[in-house]
C-alpha atoms as a PDB file:
ATOM      1  CA  UNK A   1     -32.391 -40.434   8.558  1.00  0.00           C
ATOM      2  CA  UNK A   2     -34.128 -37.384   7.106  1.00  0.00           C
ATOM      3  CA  UNK A   3     -33.008 -35.258  10.048  1.00  0.00           C
ATOM      4  CA  UNK A   4     -29.452 -36.511   9.712  1.00  0.00           C
ATOM      5  CA  UNK A   5     -29.564 -35.692   6.010  1.00  0.00           C
ATOM      6  CA  UNK A   6     -30.765 -32.143   6.697  1.00  0.00           C
ATOM      7  CA  UNK A   7     -28.091 -31.660   9.348  1.00  0.00           C
ATOM      8  CA  UNK A   8     -25.481 -32.897   6.904  1.00  0.00           C
ATOM      9  CA  UNK A   9     -26.632 -30.425   4.273  1.00  0.00           C
ATOM     10  CA  UNK A  10     -26.581 -27.575   6.805  1.00  0.00           C
ATOM     11  CA  UNK A  11     -23.109 -28.554   7.970  1.00  0.00           C
ATOM     12  CA  UNK A  12     -21.873 -28.642   4.395  1.00  0.00           C
ATOM     13  CA  UNK A  13     -23.416 -25.221   3.698  1.00  0.00           C
ATOM     14  CA  UNK A  14     -21.770 -23.749   6.791  1.00  0.00           C
ATOM     15  CA  UNK A  15     -18.442 -25.246   5.761  1.00  0.00           C
ATOM     16  CA  UNK A  16     -18.735 -23.719   2.272  1.00  0.00           C
ATOM     17  CA  UNK A  17     -19.640 -20.270   3.636  1.00  0.00           C
ATOM     18  CA  UNK A  18     -16.813 -20.407   6.171  1.00  0.00           C
ATOM     19  CA  UNK A  19     -14.377 -21.550   3.512  1.00  0.00           C
ATOM     20  CA  UNK A  20     -15.329 -18.701   1.173  1.00  0.00           C
ATOM     21  CA  UNK A  21     -14.970 -16.201   4.020  1.00  0.00           C
ATOM     22  CA  UNK A  22     -11.558 -17.466   5.099  1.00  0.00           C
ATOM     23  CA  UNK A  23     -10.203 -17.832   1.564  1.00  0.00           C
ATOM     24  CA  UNK A  24     -11.704 -14.772  -0.133  1.00  0.00           C
ATOM     25  CA  UNK A  25     -13.520 -12.240   2.049  1.00  0.00           C
ATOM     26  CA  UNK A  26     -11.279 -12.227   5.108  1.00  0.00           C
ATOM     27  CA  UNK A  27      -8.006 -11.459   3.304  1.00  0.00           C
ATOM     28  CA  UNK A  28      -9.695  -8.626   1.417  1.00  0.00           C
ATOM     29  CA  UNK A  29     -11.468  -7.120   4.415  1.00  0.00           C
ATOM     30  CA  UNK A  30      -8.346  -7.140   6.578  1.00  0.00           C
ATOM     31  CA  UNK A  31      -6.537  -4.969   4.042  1.00  0.00           C
ATOM     32  CA  UNK A  32      -9.510  -3.065   2.608  1.00  0.00           C
ATOM     33  CA  UNK A  33      -8.253  -0.043   0.658  1.00  0.00           C
ATOM     34  CA  UNK A  34      -4.676  -0.335   1.962  1.00  0.00           C
ATOM     35  CA  UNK A  35      -1.581  -0.502  -0.214  1.00  0.00           C
ATOM     36  CA  UNK A  36       1.256  -2.977   0.283  1.00  0.00           C
ATOM     37  CA  UNK A  37       3.395  -0.164   1.669  1.00  0.00           C
ATOM     38  CA  UNK A  38       0.704   0.812   4.194  1.00  0.00           C
ATOM     39  CA  UNK A  39       0.236  -2.785   5.272  1.00  0.00           C
ATOM     40  CA  UNK A  40       3.961  -3.172   5.954  1.00  0.00           C
ATOM     41  CA  UNK A  41       4.496   0.118   7.733  1.00  0.00           C
ATOM     42  CA  UNK A  42       5.101   0.464  11.440  1.00  0.00           C
ATOM     43  CA  UNK A  43       2.510   2.915  12.750  1.00  0.00           C
ATOM     44  CA  UNK A  44       2.402   4.821  16.039  1.00  0.00           C
ATOM     45  CA  UNK A  45       0.732   2.630  18.650  1.00  0.00           C
ATOM     46  CA  UNK A  46       1.909  -0.698  17.233  1.00  0.00           C
ATOM     47  CA  UNK A  47       4.105  -1.147  20.301  1.00  0.00           C
ATOM     48  CA  UNK A  48       1.065  -0.987  22.592  1.00  0.00           C
ATOM     49  CA  UNK A  49      -0.028  -4.430  21.342  1.00  0.00           C
ATOM     50  CA  UNK A  50       3.170  -6.338  20.548  1.00  0.00           C
ATOM     51  CA  UNK A  51       1.370  -9.693  20.236  1.00  0.00           C
ATOM     52  CA  UNK A  52      -1.494  -9.697  17.733  1.00  0.00           C
ATOM     53  CA  UNK A  53      -4.176 -12.380  17.614  1.00  0.00           C
ATOM     54  CA  UNK A  54      -6.631 -10.362  15.532  1.00  0.00           C
ATOM     55  CA  UNK A  55      -6.333  -7.185  13.552  1.00  0.00           C
ATOM     56  CA  UNK A  56      -6.442  -5.349  10.258  1.00  0.00           C
ATOM     57  CA  UNK A  57      -5.164  -2.319   8.365  1.00  0.00           C
ATOM     58  CA  UNK A  58      -7.531  -0.373   6.133  1.00  0.00           C
ATOM     59  CA  UNK A  59      -7.310   2.942   4.304  1.00  0.00           C
ATOM     60  CA  UNK A  60      -9.190   5.402   2.128  1.00  0.00           C
ATOM     61  CA  UNK A  61      -8.407   8.521   0.111  1.00  0.00           C
ATOM     62  CA  UNK A  62     -10.491  11.567   0.995  1.00  0.00           C
ATOM     63  CA  UNK A  63     -10.751  14.546  -1.329  1.00  0.00           C
ATOM     64  CA  UNK A  64     -10.232  17.083   1.413  1.00  0.00           C
ATOM     65  CA  UNK A  65      -7.089  18.210   3.290  1.00  0.00           C
ATOM     66  CA  UNK A  66      -6.294  16.675   6.709  1.00  0.00           C
ATOM     67  CA  UNK A  67      -7.512  19.721   8.617  1.00  0.00           C
ATOM     68  CA  UNK A  68     -10.952  19.214   7.073  1.00  0.00           C
ATOM     69  CA  UNK A  69     -10.987  15.508   7.936  1.00  0.00           C
ATOM     70  CA  UNK A  70      -9.735  15.737  11.520  1.00  0.00           C
ATOM     71  CA  UNK A  71     -12.837  17.415  13.051  1.00  0.00           C
ATOM     72  CA  UNK A  72     -14.981  14.487  11.929  1.00  0.00           C
ATOM     73  CA  UNK A  73     -12.559  11.933  13.355  1.00  0.00           C
ATOM     74  CA  UNK A  74     -11.916  13.584  16.692  1.00  0.00           C
ATOM     75  CA  UNK A  75     -15.602  13.636  17.668  1.00  0.00           C
ATOM     76  CA  UNK A  76     -16.326   9.897  17.205  1.00  0.00           C
ATOM     77  CA  UNK A  77     -17.762   7.745  19.952  1.00  0.00           C
ATOM     78  CA  UNK A  78     -20.667   6.667  22.120  1.00  0.00           C
ATOM     79  CA  UNK A  79     -22.292   9.723  23.683  1.00  0.00           C
ATOM     80  CA  UNK A  80     -20.414  11.752  21.085  1.00  0.00           C
ATOM     81  CA  UNK A  81     -20.926  12.090  17.319  1.00  0.00           C
ATOM     82  CA  UNK A  82     -21.317   8.351  16.697  1.00  0.00           C
ATOM     83  CA  UNK A  83     -19.391   6.157  14.273  1.00  0.00           C
ATOM     84  CA  UNK A  84     -20.541   7.170  10.754  1.00  0.00           C
ATOM     85  CA  UNK A  85     -21.267   3.526  10.023  1.00  0.00           C
ATOM     86  CA  UNK A  86     -24.418   1.391  10.233  1.00  0.00           C
ATOM     87  CA  UNK A  87     -26.309   3.130  13.032  1.00  0.00           C
ATOM     88  CA  UNK A  88     -28.974   0.429  12.991  1.00  0.00           C
ATOM     89  CA  UNK A  89     -26.397  -2.049  14.309  1.00  0.00           C
ATOM     90  CA  UNK A  90     -25.828   0.123  17.374  1.00  0.00           C
ATOM     91  CA  UNK A  91     -29.584   0.542  17.795  1.00  0.00           C
ATOM     92  CA  UNK A  92     -30.004  -3.240  17.757  1.00  0.00           C
ATOM     93  CA  UNK A  93     -27.207  -3.659  20.326  1.00  0.00           C
ATOM     94  CA  UNK A  94     -28.451  -0.807  22.517  1.00  0.00           C
ATOM     95  CA  UNK A  95     -25.454   1.411  21.803  1.00  0.00           C
ATOM     96  CA  UNK A  96     -26.983   4.160  19.640  1.00  0.00           C
ATOM     97  CA  UNK A  97     -26.643   6.853  22.285  1.00  0.00           C
ATOM     98  CA  UNK A  98     -25.123   9.686  20.309  1.00  0.00           C
ATOM     99  CA  UNK A  99     -24.966  13.451  20.620  1.00  0.00           C
ATOM    100  CA  UNK A 100     -27.798  13.827  18.117  1.00  0.00           C
ATOM    101  CA  UNK A 101     -29.890  10.892  19.282  1.00  0.00           C
ATOM    102  CA  UNK A 102     -29.654   7.493  17.636  1.00  0.00           C
ATOM    103  CA  UNK A 103     -27.824   8.532  14.471  1.00  0.00           C
ATOM    104  CA  UNK A 104     -24.292   9.625  13.694  1.00  0.00           C
ATOM    105  CA  UNK A 105     -23.810  13.359  13.283  1.00  0.00           C
ATOM    106  CA  UNK A 106     -23.731  14.972   9.876  1.00  0.00           C
ATOM    107  CA  UNK A 107     -22.096  18.108  11.205  1.00  0.00           C
ATOM    108  CA  UNK A 108     -19.007  19.141  13.098  1.00  0.00           C
ATOM    109  CA  UNK A 109     -19.912  19.621  16.762  1.00  0.00           C
ATOM    110  CA  UNK A 110     -17.771  22.345  18.425  1.00  0.00           C
ATOM    111  CA  UNK A 111     -18.344  20.944  21.924  1.00  0.00           C
ATOM    112  CA  UNK A 112     -16.684  17.661  20.938  1.00  0.00           C
ATOM    113  CA  UNK A 113     -13.511  19.049  19.381  1.00  0.00           C
ATOM    114  CA  UNK A 114     -11.458  19.409  22.573  1.00  0.00           C
ATOM    115  CA  UNK A 115     -10.270  15.802  22.869  1.00  0.00           C
ATOM    116  CA  UNK A 116      -7.159  15.230  25.018  1.00  0.00           C
ATOM    117  CA  UNK A 117      -4.740  12.453  25.911  1.00  0.00           C
ATOM    118  CA  UNK A 118      -6.283  10.468  28.760  1.00  0.00           C
ATOM    119  CA  UNK A 119      -9.870  11.037  27.629  1.00  0.00           C
ATOM    120  CA  UNK A 120     -12.173   8.080  27.040  1.00  0.00           C
ATOM    121  CA  UNK A 121     -13.857   7.159  23.774  1.00  0.00           C
ATOM    122  CA  UNK A 122     -16.466   4.471  24.294  1.00  0.00           C
ATOM    123  CA  UNK A 123     -18.045   2.058  21.845  1.00  0.00           C
ATOM    124  CA  UNK A 124     -20.828   1.278  24.288  1.00  0.00           C
ATOM    125  CA  UNK A 125     -21.659   2.593  27.761  1.00  0.00           C
ATOM    126  CA  UNK A 126     -18.877   0.547  29.331  1.00  0.00           C
ATOM    127  CA  UNK A 127     -15.433  -0.522  28.160  1.00  0.00           C
ATOM    128  CA  UNK A 128     -13.786   2.718  27.049  1.00  0.00           C
ATOM    129  CA  UNK A 129     -10.795   3.180  24.844  1.00  0.00           C
ATOM    130  CA  UNK A 130      -8.295   5.657  26.277  1.00  0.00           C
ATOM    131  CA  UNK A 131      -6.697   8.318  24.112  1.00  0.00           C
ATOM    132  CA  UNK A 132      -2.995   7.449  24.293  1.00  0.00           C
ATOM    133  CA  UNK A 133      -1.689   9.905  21.697  1.00  0.00           C
ATOM    134  CA  UNK A 134      -3.207  12.750  19.749  1.00  0.00           C
ATOM    135  CA  UNK A 135      -1.727  15.048  17.146  1.00  0.00           C
ATOM    136  CA  UNK A 136      -4.320  17.345  15.551  1.00  0.00           C
ATOM    137  CA  UNK A 137      -4.789  16.798  11.816  1.00  0.00           C
ATOM    138  CA  UNK A 138      -2.469  13.781  11.922  1.00  0.00           C
ATOM    139  CA  UNK A 139      -2.866  11.064  14.571  1.00  0.00           C
ATOM    140  CA  UNK A 140      -5.305   9.478  17.022  1.00  0.00           C
ATOM    141  CA  UNK A 141      -4.169   6.450  19.059  1.00  0.00           C
ATOM    142  CA  UNK A 142      -6.745   4.628  21.198  1.00  0.00           C
ATOM    143  CA  UNK A 143      -6.124   1.748  23.610  1.00  0.00           C
ATOM    144  CA  UNK A 144      -8.400  -0.612  25.531  1.00  0.00           C
ATOM    145  CA  UNK A 145      -6.387  -2.670  28.015  1.00  0.00           C
ATOM    146  CA  UNK A 146      -8.238  -4.433  30.808  1.00  0.00           C
ATOM    147  CA  UNK A 147      -7.920  -7.332  33.228  1.00  0.00           C
ATOM    148  CA  UNK A 148     -11.338  -8.987  32.966  1.00  0.00           C
ATOM    149  CA  UNK A 149     -11.121 -10.398  36.511  1.00  0.00           C
ATOM    150  CA  UNK A 150     -10.505  -7.047  38.216  1.00  0.00           C
ATOM    151  CA  UNK A 151     -11.736  -4.553  35.573  1.00  0.00           C
ATOM    152  CA  UNK A 152      -8.431  -2.723  36.064  1.00  0.00           C
ATOM    153  CA  UNK A 153      -5.864  -1.727  33.493  1.00  0.00           C
ATOM    154  CA  UNK A 154      -2.459  -3.412  33.578  1.00  0.00           C
ATOM    155  CA  UNK A 155       1.070  -2.941  32.325  1.00  0.00           C
ATOM    156  CA  UNK A 156       2.627  -5.223  29.732  1.00  0.00           C
ATOM    157  CA  UNK A 157       4.905  -7.760  31.376  1.00  0.00           C
ATOM    158  CA  UNK A 158       5.858 -11.405  31.269  1.00  0.00           C
ATOM    159  CA  UNK A 159       3.164 -12.142  33.865  1.00  0.00           C
ATOM    160  CA  UNK A 160       0.021 -11.202  31.941  1.00  0.00           C
ATOM    161  CA  UNK A 161      -3.375 -11.465  33.678  1.00  0.00           C
ATOM    162  CA  UNK A 162      -5.193 -14.756  33.227  1.00  0.00           C
ATOM    163  CA  UNK A 163      -8.084 -13.040  31.453  1.00  0.00           C
ATOM    164  CA  UNK A 164      -7.203  -9.917  29.562  1.00  0.00           C
ATOM    165  CA  UNK A 165      -7.892  -7.742  26.555  1.00  0.00           C
ATOM    166  CA  UNK A 166      -5.328  -5.496  24.884  1.00  0.00           C
ATOM    167  CA  UNK A 167      -6.603  -3.618  21.811  1.00  0.00           C
ATOM    168  CA  UNK A 168      -5.202  -0.618  19.974  1.00  0.00           C
ATOM    169  CA  UNK A 169      -7.145   1.396  17.399  1.00  0.00           C
ATOM    170  CA  UNK A 170      -5.029   3.864  15.453  1.00  0.00           C
ATOM    171  CA  UNK A 171      -5.991   6.496  12.888  1.00  0.00           C
ATOM    172  CA  UNK A 172      -3.336   8.230  10.797  1.00  0.00           C
ATOM    173  CA  UNK A 173      -4.026  11.138   8.460  1.00  0.00           C
ATOM    174  CA  UNK A 174      -1.459  11.950   5.784  1.00  0.00           C
ATOM    175  CA  UNK A 175      -1.577  14.554   3.036  1.00  0.00           C
ATOM    176  CA  UNK A 176      -1.831  12.710  -0.280  1.00  0.00           C
ATOM    177  CA  UNK A 177      -1.561  15.927  -2.266  1.00  0.00           C
ATOM    178  CA  UNK A 178      -2.564  19.546  -1.847  1.00  0.00           C
ATOM    179  CA  UNK A 179      -6.278  18.795  -1.645  1.00  0.00           C
ATOM    180  CA  UNK A 180      -6.589  15.202  -0.453  1.00  0.00           C
ATOM    181  CA  UNK A 181      -5.867  13.008   2.569  1.00  0.00           C
ATOM    182  CA  UNK A 182      -4.939   9.391   3.042  1.00  0.00           C
ATOM    183  CA  UNK A 183      -6.709   8.049   6.151  1.00  0.00           C
ATOM    184  CA  UNK A 184      -5.177   4.822   7.497  1.00  0.00           C
ATOM    185  CA  UNK A 185      -6.730   2.827  10.323  1.00  0.00           C
ATOM    186  CA  UNK A 186      -5.112  -0.086  12.138  1.00  0.00           C
ATOM    187  CA  UNK A 187      -6.683  -2.390  14.728  1.00  0.00           C
ATOM    188  CA  UNK A 188      -4.404  -4.691  16.742  1.00  0.00           C
ATOM    189  CA  UNK A 189      -5.935  -7.075  19.262  1.00  0.00           C
ATOM    190  CA  UNK A 190      -4.531  -9.485  21.829  1.00  0.00           C
ATOM    191  CA  UNK A 191      -6.569 -11.440  24.352  1.00  0.00           C
ATOM    192  CA  UNK A 192      -6.220 -14.307  26.780  1.00  0.00           C
ATOM    193  CA  UNK A 193      -6.138 -17.830  25.317  1.00  0.00           C
ATOM    194  CA  UNK A 194      -9.288 -19.885  25.089  1.00  0.00           C
ATOM    195  CA  UNK A 195     -12.335 -20.443  22.922  1.00  0.00           C
ATOM    196  CA  UNK A 196     -14.437 -17.969  24.907  1.00  0.00           C
ATOM    197  CA  UNK A 197     -12.026 -15.107  24.268  1.00  0.00           C
ATOM    198  CA  UNK A 198     -11.667 -16.023  20.628  1.00  0.00           C
ATOM    199  CA  UNK A 199     -15.426 -16.026  20.121  1.00  0.00           C
ATOM    200  CA  UNK A 200     -16.255 -12.925  22.177  1.00  0.00           C
ATOM    201  CA  UNK A 201     -13.348 -10.780  20.964  1.00  0.00           C
ATOM    202  CA  UNK A 202     -12.147 -12.358  17.743  1.00  0.00           C
ATOM    203  CA  UNK A 203     -15.553 -12.450  16.060  1.00  0.00           C
ATOM    204  CA  UNK A 204     -16.306  -8.735  16.702  1.00  0.00           C
ATOM    205  CA  UNK A 205     -12.943  -7.929  15.128  1.00  0.00           C
ATOM    206  CA  UNK A 206     -13.878  -9.915  12.039  1.00  0.00           C
ATOM    207  CA  UNK A 207     -17.259  -8.176  11.816  1.00  0.00           C
ATOM    208  CA  UNK A 208     -15.571  -4.820  12.285  1.00  0.00           C
ATOM    209  CA  UNK A 209     -13.069  -5.492   9.500  1.00  0.00           C
ATOM    210  CA  UNK A 210     -15.636  -6.876   7.067  1.00  0.00           C
ATOM    211  CA  UNK A 211     -18.587  -4.547   7.653  1.00  0.00           C
ATOM    212  CA  UNK A 212     -18.317  -1.737  10.188  1.00  0.00           C
ATOM    213  CA  UNK A 213     -14.861  -0.224   9.643  1.00  0.00           C
ATOM    214  CA  UNK A 214     -15.088   0.189   5.838  1.00  0.00           C
ATOM    215  CA  UNK A 215     -18.479   1.858   6.233  1.00  0.00           C
ATOM    216  CA  UNK A 216     -17.026   4.177   8.866  1.00  0.00           C
ATOM    217  CA  UNK A 217     -14.189   5.209   6.558  1.00  0.00           C
ATOM    218  CA  UNK A 218     -16.700   5.838   3.768  1.00  0.00           C
ATOM    219  CA  UNK A 219     -18.833   7.826   6.214  1.00  0.00           C
ATOM    220  CA  UNK A 220     -15.936  10.077   7.176  1.00  0.00           C
ATOM    221  CA  UNK A 221     -15.024  10.504   3.520  1.00  0.00           C
ATOM    222  CA  UNK A 222     -18.553  11.490   2.501  1.00  0.00           C
ATOM    223  CA  UNK A 223     -18.921  14.004   5.320  1.00  0.00           C
ATOM    224  CA  UNK A 224     -15.491  15.595   4.902  1.00  0.00           C
ATOM    225  CA  UNK A 225     -15.845  15.894   1.131  1.00  0.00           C
ATOM    226  CA  UNK A 226     -19.339  17.380   1.361  1.00  0.00           C
ATOM    227  CA  UNK A 227     -18.179  19.941   3.926  1.00  0.00           C
ATOM    228  CA  UNK A 228     -15.139  20.861   1.824  1.00  0.00           C
ATOM    229  CA  UNK A 229     -17.217  21.782  -1.228  1.00  0.00           C
END
């Protein structure tokens, strides 16, 4: 009876935490920093993931012009400048392999500025995002589209693979005024039905929206503003 009572208390606690997250934290994190107009806008890359099971739109104002923000954005990635977020998370997951060791760069790295359409930006050693569109000082569109059974990419069609992932990750820089930039990020994710996909792909999206992405935006802001002074 005691064990059942403890389990009941734990279940109730989990239900309360989950309820608070779904009712309060999740709606805020999925629109962190974004205005109503930004949330409702169609952004480049939206068409790459027409069906969305998980995603968010976030934004931040940076007190530096777009050309001072872009160099920090274009060098992101595993084996590159890092993610400007919680590096200890990548260390724990074995993904803190960055240009300057196990921490995100605090400087602009000239060797990493020549990013092109078709290049890969990886979160970890495997599973790269492909650069689908790139406009210096304005736009970076990344896409990860894979058939889990074959590890190949695929085209959107009525006959989708049985096990698939289709994720876009878009960054838009817009001049807010003469000396500041509005940085908007949008993540759109679609994946094959099933509990396994929801847990393995949906949960990382939630963690990204709640914890990692806002910290990344703040990291870019801090670096760009410090360099602009």
